[in-house]
Amino acid sequence: MRTTLIAFAAAALAGLLTTGSAWAADPAGKDKPSQQNRMKTCNADAKAKSLKGDERKAFMSSCLKSK
């Protein structure tokens, strides 16, 4: 009886641990571009506009926040 209870508890715990990551997934995160992709796009835009120094820094900051 005790062995059966321990085996059942272990199986239940293993089941919870393996399915926990499925519940933690963020489905809305797929719509947003990753930080790396945003940085690549904003960097290309800044280069196309020939921005340098403080102008580039301000542009990159606003570009990364808006996307």
PDB file of N, CA and C in Angstrom:
ATOM      1  N   MET A   1       0.827  -1.190   0.000  1.00  0.00           N
ATOM      2  CA  MET A   1       0.000   0.000   0.000  1.00  0.00           C
ATOM      3  C   MET A   1       0.873   1.256   0.000  1.00  0.00           C
ATOM      4  N   ARG A   2       1.859   1.285   0.892  1.00  0.00           N
ATOM      5  CA  ARG A   2       2.720   2.453   0.987  1.00  0.00           C
ATOM      6  C   ARG A   2       3.568   2.598  -0.277  1.00  0.00           C
ATOM      7  N   THR A   3       4.060   1.501  -0.810  1.00  0.00           N
ATOM      8  CA  THR A   3       4.858   1.526  -2.032  1.00  0.00           C
ATOM      9  C   THR A   3       4.022   2.024  -3.204  1.00  0.00           C
ATOM     10  N   THR A   4       2.777   1.611  -3.264  1.00  0.00           N
ATOM     11  CA  THR A   4       1.881   2.043  -4.330  1.00  0.00           C
ATOM     12  C   THR A   4       1.625   3.543  -4.234  1.00  0.00           C
ATOM     13  N   LEU A   5       1.442   4.043  -3.028  1.00  0.00           N
ATOM     14  CA  LEU A   5       1.207   5.465  -2.823  1.00  0.00           C
ATOM     15  C   LEU A   5       2.427   6.281  -3.233  1.00  0.00           C
ATOM     16  N   ILE A   6       3.604   5.825  -2.883  1.00  0.00           N
ATOM     17  CA  ILE A   6       4.834   6.532  -3.248  1.00  0.00           C
ATOM     18  C   ILE A   6       5.014   6.518  -4.766  1.00  0.00           C
ATOM     19  N   ALA A   7       4.741   5.381  -5.396  1.00  0.00           N
ATOM     20  CA  ALA A   7       4.867   5.282  -6.848  1.00  0.00           C
ATOM     21  C   ALA A   7       3.866   6.208  -7.543  1.00  0.00           C
ATOM     22  N   PHE A   8       2.647   6.269  -7.030  1.00  0.00           N
ATOM     23  CA  PHE A   8       1.636   7.151  -7.606  1.00  0.00           C
ATOM     24  C   PHE A   8       2.045   8.616  -7.447  1.00  0.00           C
ATOM     25  N   ALA A   9       2.548   8.977  -6.275  1.00  0.00           N
ATOM     26  CA  ALA A   9       2.979  10.354  -6.035  1.00  0.00           C
ATOM     27  C   ALA A   9       4.149  10.721  -6.949  1.00  0.00           C
ATOM     28  N   ALA A  10       5.078   9.803  -7.138  1.00  0.00           N
ATOM     29  CA  ALA A  10       6.220  10.062  -8.015  1.00  0.00           C
ATOM     30  C   ALA A  10       5.765  10.236  -9.463  1.00  0.00           C
ATOM     31  N   ALA A  11       4.824   9.413  -9.899  1.00  0.00           N
ATOM     32  CA  ALA A  11       4.312   9.522 -11.263  1.00  0.00           C
ATOM     33  C   ALA A  11       3.554  10.837 -11.459  1.00  0.00           C
ATOM     34  N   ALA A  12       2.782  11.236 -10.468  1.00  0.00           N
ATOM     35  CA  ALA A  12       2.044  12.494 -10.558  1.00  0.00           C
ATOM     36  C   ALA A  12       3.006  13.679 -10.605  1.00  0.00           C
ATOM     37  N   LEU A  13       4.044  13.638  -9.793  1.00  0.00           N
ATOM     38  CA  LEU A  13       5.039  14.707  -9.779  1.00  0.00           C
ATOM     39  C   LEU A  13       5.769  14.780 -11.119  1.00  0.00           C
ATOM     40  N   ALA A  14       6.129  13.635 -11.659  1.00  0.00           N
ATOM     41  CA  ALA A  14       6.806  13.610 -12.961  1.00  0.00           C
ATOM     42  C   ALA A  14       5.896  14.176 -14.048  1.00  0.00           C
ATOM     43  N   GLY A  15       4.625  13.856 -13.988  1.00  0.00           N
ATOM     44  CA  GLY A  15       3.677  14.392 -14.961  1.00  0.00           C
ATOM     45  C   GLY A  15       3.544  15.897 -14.865  1.00  0.00           C
ATOM     46  N   LEU A  16       3.507  16.414 -13.655  1.00  0.00           N
ATOM     47  CA  LEU A  16       3.409  17.860 -13.470  1.00  0.00           C
ATOM     48  C   LEU A  16       4.664  18.574 -13.951  1.00  0.00           C
ATOM     49  N   LEU A  17       5.807  17.986 -13.698  1.00  0.00           N
ATOM     50  CA  LEU A  17       7.057  18.614 -14.108  1.00  0.00           C
ATOM     51  C   LEU A  17       7.221  18.635 -15.625  1.00  0.00           C
ATOM     52  N   THR A  18       6.748  17.611 -16.294  1.00  0.00           N
ATOM     53  CA  THR A  18       6.913  17.563 -17.749  1.00  0.00           C
ATOM     54  C   THR A  18       5.895  18.416 -18.488  1.00  0.00           C
ATOM     55  N   THR A  19       4.743  18.675 -17.910  1.00  0.00           N
ATOM     56  CA  THR A  19       3.735  19.491 -18.591  1.00  0.00           C
ATOM     57  C   THR A  19       3.748  20.939 -18.132  1.00  0.00           C
ATOM     58  N   GLY A  20       4.535  21.283 -17.154  1.00  0.00           N
ATOM     59  CA  GLY A  20       4.573  22.649 -16.638  1.00  0.00           C
ATOM     60  C   GLY A  20       5.039  23.663 -17.664  1.00  0.00           C
ATOM     61  N   SER A  21       5.984  23.289 -18.505  1.00  0.00           N
ATOM     62  CA  SER A  21       6.498  24.234 -19.491  1.00  0.00           C
ATOM     63  C   SER A  21       5.460  24.567 -20.559  1.00  0.00           C
ATOM     64  N   ALA A  22       4.551  23.676 -20.833  1.00  0.00           N
ATOM     65  CA  ALA A  22       3.504  23.953 -21.823  1.00  0.00           C
ATOM     66  C   ALA A  22       2.560  25.034 -21.323  1.00  0.00           C
ATOM     67  N   TRP A  23       2.298  25.063 -20.050  1.00  0.00           N
ATOM     68  CA  TRP A  23       1.409  26.080 -19.486  1.00  0.00           C
ATOM     69  C   TRP A  23       2.112  27.424 -19.387  1.00  0.00           C
ATOM     70  N   ALA A  24       3.426  27.434 -19.289  1.00  0.00           N
ATOM     71  CA  ALA A  24       4.173  28.669 -19.109  1.00  0.00           C
ATOM     72  C   ALA A  24       4.456  29.381 -20.427  1.00  0.00           C
ATOM     73  N   ALA A  25       4.172  28.763 -21.548  1.00  0.00           N
ATOM     74  CA  ALA A  25       4.465  29.359 -22.845  1.00  0.00           C
ATOM     75  C   ALA A  25       3.628  30.613 -23.063  1.00  0.00           C
ATOM     76  N   ASP A  26       4.234  31.600 -23.708  1.00  0.00           N
ATOM     77  CA  ASP A  26       3.565  32.863 -23.988  1.00  0.00           C
ATOM     78  C   ASP A  26       3.200  32.916 -25.472  1.00  0.00           C
ATOM     79  N   PRO A  27       1.952  32.628 -25.824  1.00  0.00           N
ATOM     80  CA  PRO A  27       1.591  32.610 -27.243  1.00  0.00           C
ATOM     81  C   PRO A  27       1.622  33.989 -27.884  1.00  0.00           C
ATOM     82  N   ALA A  28       1.454  35.059 -27.110  1.00  0.00           N
ATOM     83  CA  ALA A  28       1.456  36.400 -27.671  1.00  0.00           C
ATOM     84  C   ALA A  28       2.858  36.844 -28.056  1.00  0.00           C
ATOM     85  N   GLY A  29       3.880  36.205 -27.514  1.00  0.00           N
ATOM     86  CA  GLY A  29       5.253  36.588 -27.802  1.00  0.00           C
ATOM     87  C   GLY A  29       5.680  36.308 -29.229  1.00  0.00           C
ATOM     88  N   LYS A  30       4.953  35.476 -29.949  1.00  0.00           N
ATOM     89  CA  LYS A  30       5.329  35.133 -31.315  1.00  0.00           C
ATOM     90  C   LYS A  30       5.067  36.279 -32.284  1.00  0.00           C
ATOM     91  N   ASP A  31       4.170  37.179 -31.950  1.00  0.00           N
ATOM     92  CA  ASP A  31       3.829  38.279 -32.842  1.00  0.00           C
ATOM     93  C   ASP A  31       4.889  39.375 -32.838  1.00  0.00           C
ATOM     94  N   LYS A  32       5.607  39.521 -31.753  1.00  0.00           N
ATOM     95  CA  LYS A  32       6.596  40.577 -31.628  1.00  0.00           C
ATOM     96  C   LYS A  32       7.939  40.118 -32.204  1.00  0.00           C
ATOM     97  N   PRO A  33       8.633  41.023 -32.904  1.00  0.00           N
ATOM     98  CA  PRO A  33       9.962  40.660 -33.375  1.00  0.00           C
ATOM     99  C   PRO A  33      10.939  40.600 -32.202  1.00  0.00           C
ATOM    100  N   SER A  34      11.936  39.776 -32.319  1.00  0.00           N
ATOM    101  CA  SER A  34      12.898  39.635 -31.236  1.00  0.00           C
ATOM    102  C   SER A  34      13.758  40.894 -31.128  1.00  0.00           C
ATOM    103  N   GLN A  35      14.422  41.050 -30.003  1.00  0.00           N
ATOM    104  CA  GLN A  35      15.295  42.195 -29.773  1.00  0.00           C
ATOM    105  C   GLN A  35      16.387  42.238 -30.843  1.00  0.00           C
ATOM    106  N   GLN A  36      16.900  41.084 -31.192  1.00  0.00           N
ATOM    107  CA  GLN A  36      17.962  41.022 -32.194  1.00  0.00           C
ATOM    108  C   GLN A  36      17.459  41.492 -33.562  1.00  0.00           C
ATOM    109  N   ASN A  37      16.259  41.088 -33.931  1.00  0.00           N
ATOM    110  CA  ASN A  37      15.696  41.521 -35.215  1.00  0.00           C
ATOM    111  C   ASN A  37      15.383  43.011 -35.221  1.00  0.00           C
ATOM    112  N   ARG A  38      14.874  43.518 -34.098  1.00  0.00           N
ATOM    113  CA  ARG A  38      14.600  44.960 -34.011  1.00  0.00           C
ATOM    114  C   ARG A  38      15.891  45.746 -34.141  1.00  0.00           C
ATOM    115  N   MET A  39      16.946  45.277 -33.463  1.00  0.00           N
ATOM    116  CA  MET A  39      18.228  45.964 -33.509  1.00  0.00           C
ATOM    117  C   MET A  39      18.772  45.981 -34.939  1.00  0.00           C
ATOM    118  N   LYS A  40      18.635  44.864 -35.638  1.00  0.00           N
ATOM    119  CA  LYS A  40      19.121  44.773 -37.018  1.00  0.00           C
ATOM    120  C   LYS A  40      18.369  45.757 -37.915  1.00  0.00           C
ATOM    121  N   THR A  41      17.053  45.807 -37.776  1.00  0.00           N
ATOM    122  CA  THR A  41      16.236  46.697 -38.600  1.00  0.00           C
ATOM    123  C   THR A  41      16.527  48.164 -38.299  1.00  0.00           C
ATOM    124  N   CYS A  42      16.570  48.502 -37.019  1.00  0.00           N
ATOM    125  CA  CYS A  42      16.828  49.895 -36.637  1.00  0.00           C
ATOM    126  C   CYS A  42      18.230  50.328 -37.049  1.00  0.00           C
ATOM    127  N   ASN A  43      19.196  49.431 -36.932  1.00  0.00           N
ATOM    128  CA  ASN A  43      20.565  49.742 -37.322  1.00  0.00           C
ATOM    129  C   ASN A  43      20.648  50.018 -38.820  1.00  0.00           C
ATOM    130  N   ALA A  44      19.950  49.213 -39.613  1.00  0.00           N
ATOM    131  CA  ALA A  44      19.934  49.429 -41.063  1.00  0.00           C
ATOM    132  C   ALA A  44      19.276  50.765 -41.405  1.00  0.00           C
ATOM    133  N   ASP A  45      18.201  51.105 -40.702  1.00  0.00           N
ATOM    134  CA  ASP A  45      17.521  52.383 -40.943  1.00  0.00           C
ATOM    135  C   ASP A  45      18.426  53.560 -40.584  1.00  0.00           C
ATOM    136  N   ALA A  46      19.138  53.453 -39.470  1.00  0.00           N
ATOM    137  CA  ALA A  46      20.039  54.524 -39.046  1.00  0.00           C
ATOM    138  C   ALA A  46      21.187  54.679 -40.037  1.00  0.00           C
ATOM    139  N   LYS A  47      21.683  53.570 -40.540  1.00  0.00           N
ATOM    140  CA  LYS A  47      22.771  53.623 -41.519  1.00  0.00           C
ATOM    141  C   LYS A  47      22.285  54.256 -42.818  1.00  0.00           C
ATOM    142  N   ALA A  48      21.065  53.916 -43.239  1.00  0.00           N
ATOM    143  CA  ALA A  48      20.503  54.483 -44.467  1.00  0.00           C
ATOM    144  C   ALA A  48      20.315  55.994 -44.345  1.00  0.00           C
ATOM    145  N   LYS A  49      20.035  56.459 -43.137  1.00  0.00           N
ATOM    146  CA  LYS A  49      19.843  57.894 -42.908  1.00  0.00           C
ATOM    147  C   LYS A  49      21.153  58.605 -42.591  1.00  0.00           C
ATOM    148  N   SER A  50      22.258  57.862 -42.550  1.00  0.00           N
ATOM    149  CA  SER A  50      23.601  58.398 -42.255  1.00  0.00           C
ATOM    150  C   SER A  50      23.635  59.145 -40.929  1.00  0.00           C
ATOM    151  N   LEU A  51      23.000  58.582 -39.917  1.00  0.00           N
ATOM    152  CA  LEU A  51      22.976  59.215 -38.605  1.00  0.00           C
ATOM    153  C   LEU A  51      24.250  58.882 -37.838  1.00  0.00           C
ATOM    154  N   LYS A  52      24.751  59.857 -37.088  1.00  0.00           N
ATOM    155  CA  LYS A  52      25.963  59.668 -36.293  1.00  0.00           C
ATOM    156  C   LYS A  52      25.786  60.327 -34.928  1.00  0.00           C
ATOM    157  N   GLY A  53      26.521  59.835 -33.950  1.00  0.00           N
ATOM    158  CA  GLY A  53      26.575  60.444 -32.624  1.00  0.00           C
ATOM    159  C   GLY A  53      25.248  60.454 -31.893  1.00  0.00           C
ATOM    160  N   ASP A  54      24.935  61.627 -31.320  1.00  0.00           N
ATOM    161  CA  ASP A  54      23.725  61.762 -30.507  1.00  0.00           C
ATOM    162  C   ASP A  54      22.445  61.561 -31.323  1.00  0.00           C
ATOM    163  N   GLU A  55      22.473  61.977 -32.587  1.00  0.00           N
ATOM    164  CA  GLU A  55      21.291  61.776 -33.434  1.00  0.00           C
ATOM    165  C   GLU A  55      21.013  60.286 -33.616  1.00  0.00           C
ATOM    166  N   ARG A  56      22.079  59.521 -33.831  1.00  0.00           N
ATOM    167  CA  ARG A  56      21.923  58.070 -34.005  1.00  0.00           C
ATOM    168  C   ARG A  56      21.423  57.426 -32.712  1.00  0.00           C
ATOM    169  N   LYS A  57      21.988  57.859 -31.598  1.00  0.00           N
ATOM    170  CA  LYS A  57      21.590  57.302 -30.300  1.00  0.00           C
ATOM    171  C   LYS A  57      20.108  57.567 -30.034  1.00  0.00           C
ATOM    172  N   ALA A  58      19.653  58.785 -30.302  1.00  0.00           N
ATOM    173  CA  ALA A  58      18.249  59.134 -30.088  1.00  0.00           C
ATOM    174  C   ALA A  58      17.344  58.346 -31.036  1.00  0.00           C
ATOM    175  N   PHE A  59      17.779  58.220 -32.292  1.00  0.00           N
ATOM    176  CA  PHE A  59      16.986  57.465 -33.261  1.00  0.00           C
ATOM    177  C   PHE A  59      16.879  56.000 -32.859  1.00  0.00           C
ATOM    178  N   MET A  60      17.995  55.389 -32.471  1.00  0.00           N
ATOM    179  CA  MET A  60      17.999  53.980 -32.088  1.00  0.00           C
ATOM    180  C   MET A  60      17.103  53.751 -30.874  1.00  0.00           C
ATOM    181  N   SER A  61      17.160  54.653 -29.921  1.00  0.00           N
ATOM    182  CA  SER A  61      16.336  54.519 -28.722  1.00  0.00           C
ATOM    183  C   SER A  61      14.850  54.547 -29.069  1.00  0.00           C
ATOM    184  N   SER A  62      14.453  55.521 -29.865  1.00  0.00           N
ATOM    185  CA  SER A  62      13.032  55.616 -30.221  1.00  0.00           C
ATOM    186  C   SER A  62      12.616  54.470 -31.140  1.00  0.00           C
ATOM    187  N   CYS A  63      13.494  54.059 -32.028  1.00  0.00           N
ATOM    188  CA  CYS A  63      13.177  52.965 -32.950  1.00  0.00           C
ATOM    189  C   CYS A  63      12.982  51.652 -32.191  1.00  0.00           C
ATOM    190  N   LEU A  64      13.856  51.360 -31.253  1.00  0.00           N
ATOM    191  CA  LEU A  64      13.756  50.106 -30.507  1.00  0.00           C
ATOM    192  C   LEU A  64      12.535  50.079 -29.593  1.00  0.00           C
ATOM    193  N   LYS A  65      12.119  51.229 -29.101  1.00  0.00           N
ATOM    194  CA  LYS A  65      10.940  51.282 -28.233  1.00  0.00           C
ATOM    195  C   LYS A  65       9.647  51.133 -29.029  1.00  0.00           C
ATOM    196  N   SER A  66       9.646  51.619 -30.264  1.00  0.00           N
ATOM    197  CA  SER A  66       8.405  51.633 -31.037  1.00  0.00           C
ATOM    198  C   SER A  66       8.074  50.300 -31.685  1.00  0.00           C
ATOM    199  N   LYS A  67       9.043  49.445 -31.889  1.00  0.00           N
ATOM    200  CA  LYS A  67       8.785  48.196 -32.620  1.00  0.00           C
ATOM    201  C   LYS A  67       8.470  47.057 -31.724  1.00  0.00           C
TER     202      LYS A  67
END
